[in-house]
Protein backbone atom coordinates (compact mmCIF):
# COMPACT_ATOMS: atom_id res chain seq x y z
CA MET A 1 0.00 0.00 0.00
CA LYS A 2 1.36 3.40 -0.98
CA GLN A 3 1.87 5.84 1.89
CA GLU A 4 0.36 9.30 1.39
CA SER A 5 2.52 12.40 1.60
CA PRO A 6 2.63 14.25 4.94
CA SER A 7 0.78 17.21 3.43
CA GLY A 8 -2.26 15.05 2.59
CA PRO A 9 -4.40 16.06 5.59
CA VAL A 10 -3.60 19.74 5.03
CA ARG A 11 -4.57 19.55 1.36
CA ARG A 12 -7.80 17.76 2.23
CA ALA A 13 -8.64 20.36 4.89
CA LEU A 14 -7.99 23.19 2.43
CA ARG A 15 -10.49 21.55 0.07
CA ASN A 16 -13.06 21.70 2.91
CA THR A 17 -12.98 17.94 3.36
CA CYS A 18 -12.27 15.71 6.34
CA PRO A 19 -8.51 15.43 6.96
CA ASN A 20 -9.00 11.72 7.73
CA CYS A 21 -10.85 10.47 4.64
CA GLY A 22 -11.02 13.47 2.29
CA LYS A 23 -14.73 12.95 1.56
CA GLY A 24 -16.94 14.49 4.26
CA ALA A 25 -17.24 18.24 4.74
CA LEU A 26 -14.91 19.89 7.26
CA PHE A 27 -17.02 23.04 7.74
CA THR A 28 -20.80 23.21 8.08
CA SER A 29 -20.81 27.00 7.66
CA TRP A 30 -18.21 29.66 6.99
CA LEU A 31 -16.13 28.96 10.14
CA ARG A 32 -18.14 26.34 12.03
CA MET A 33 -16.56 22.90 11.91
CA ALA A 34 -18.65 19.79 11.48
CA PRO A 35 -18.74 17.80 14.74
CA VAL A 36 -18.33 14.46 12.93
CA CYS A 37 -17.32 13.56 9.38
CA SER A 38 -20.39 12.54 7.41
CA SER A 39 -18.38 9.96 5.48
CA CYS A 40 -15.98 8.19 7.87
CA GLN A 41 -17.58 9.26 11.19
CA PHE A 42 -14.24 10.65 12.41
CA ASP A 43 -14.76 12.85 15.47
CA LEU A 44 -13.72 16.28 14.18
CA SER A 45 -14.44 17.88 17.56
CA GLU A 46 -11.01 16.61 18.69
CA LEU A 47 -9.42 19.02 16.22
CA ASP A 48 -9.75 22.66 17.24
CA ALA A 49 -7.75 25.60 15.92
CA GLY A 50 -9.14 27.89 18.61
CA ASP A 51 -8.11 31.54 18.30
CA GLY A 52 -4.78 30.70 16.66
CA PRO A 53 -5.70 31.63 13.07
CA ALA A 54 -7.22 34.98 14.07
CA SER A 55 -4.23 35.82 16.28
CA PHE A 56 -1.74 35.00 13.54
CA LEU A 57 -3.63 37.06 10.99
CA VAL A 58 -3.88 40.11 13.24
CA LEU A 59 -0.14 39.98 13.83
CA ILE A 60 0.72 39.39 10.17
CA TYR A 61 -1.64 41.97 8.71
CA GLY A 62 -0.84 44.43 11.50
CA ALA A 63 2.85 44.25 10.58
CA ILE A 64 1.92 45.09 6.99
CA VAL A 65 -0.82 47.68 7.54
CA VAL A 66 0.79 49.83 10.25
CA PRO A 67 3.83 50.82 8.15
CA LEU A 68 1.55 51.47 5.18
CA ALA A 69 -0.67 53.69 7.32
CA PHE A 70 2.38 55.67 8.48
CA LEU A 71 3.55 55.99 4.88
CA LEU A 72 0.14 57.23 3.74
CA GLU A 73 0.13 59.74 6.59
CA ALA A 74 3.61 60.98 5.72
CA LEU A 75 2.88 61.33 2.01
CA PHE A 76 -0.67 62.68 1.92
CA SER A 77 -1.83 63.49 5.49
CA PRO A 78 -5.45 62.39 4.94
CA PRO A 79 -8.03 63.05 7.67
CA LEU A 80 -8.06 60.56 10.52
CA TRP A 81 -11.47 59.20 9.52
CA VAL A 82 -10.12 58.32 6.05
CA GLN A 83 -7.26 56.38 7.61
CA ALA A 84 -9.63 54.59 10.01
CA VAL A 85 -12.11 53.62 7.29
CA LEU A 86 -9.47 52.64 4.74
CA TRP A 87 -7.28 50.51 6.97
CA GLY A 88 -10.21 49.13 8.96
CA LEU A 89 -11.85 47.85 5.77
CA ILE A 90 -8.57 46.48 4.41
CA MET A 91 -7.87 44.62 7.67
CA LEU A 92 -11.44 43.32 7.88
CA LEU A 93 -11.54 42.09 4.29
CA ALA A 94 -8.07 40.55 4.36
CA THR A 95 -8.72 38.78 7.65
CA MET A 96 -12.12 37.47 6.60
CA LYS A 97 -10.78 36.24 3.28
CA SER A 98 -7.87 34.31 4.81
CA LEU A 99 -9.35 33.14 8.13
CA ARG A 100 -11.05 29.99 6.84
CA PRO A 101 -8.04 28.71 4.82
CA LEU A 102 -5.70 29.31 7.78
CA LYS A 103 -8.11 27.53 10.12
CA ALA A 104 -8.23 24.59 7.69
CA ILE A 105 -4.42 24.50 7.53
CA MET A 106 -4.13 24.44 11.32
CA ILE A 107 -6.73 21.67 11.55
CA GLY A 108 -4.87 19.64 8.93
CA TRP A 109 -1.60 20.08 10.84
CA GLN A 110 -3.31 19.03 14.07
CA PHE A 111 -4.63 15.90 12.44
CA ARG A 112 -1.22 15.13 10.99
CA ILE A 113 0.47 15.51 14.39
CA HIS A 114 -2.18 13.56 16.30
CA ASP A 115 -2.84 10.89 13.66
CA PRO A 116 -3.69 7.74 15.63
CA ASP A 117 -2.23 5.46 12.92
CA LYS A 118 0.97 7.51 12.65
CA LYS A 119 0.94 6.95 8.88
CA TYR A 120 2.37 10.41 8.19
CA PHE A 121 5.67 9.94 10.06
């Protein structure tokens, strides 16, 4: 039997499928995980990314947006409300767009680390 690559669970999670079997849905809504895989009955409640994805994104996007906000202020000096609306919307949209994929990646990594069969090591 051919052993699957270590990135298999991560790829399956990014496709919104169960990291165990790759068939059942990982998410029931935008960020809500399914409690159990509908295909293999794997207990997905054991895998939880928690606040990790949101924390990482705030730090990453904050490191990008803050210097850009200072640069905009130095070059054009727009009113404070323009800065708040502009960077608030950019942060909101960027975070919302990348939150689900990052959560799926973290869930796939968790599965890979805690794989009961240890077939990925």
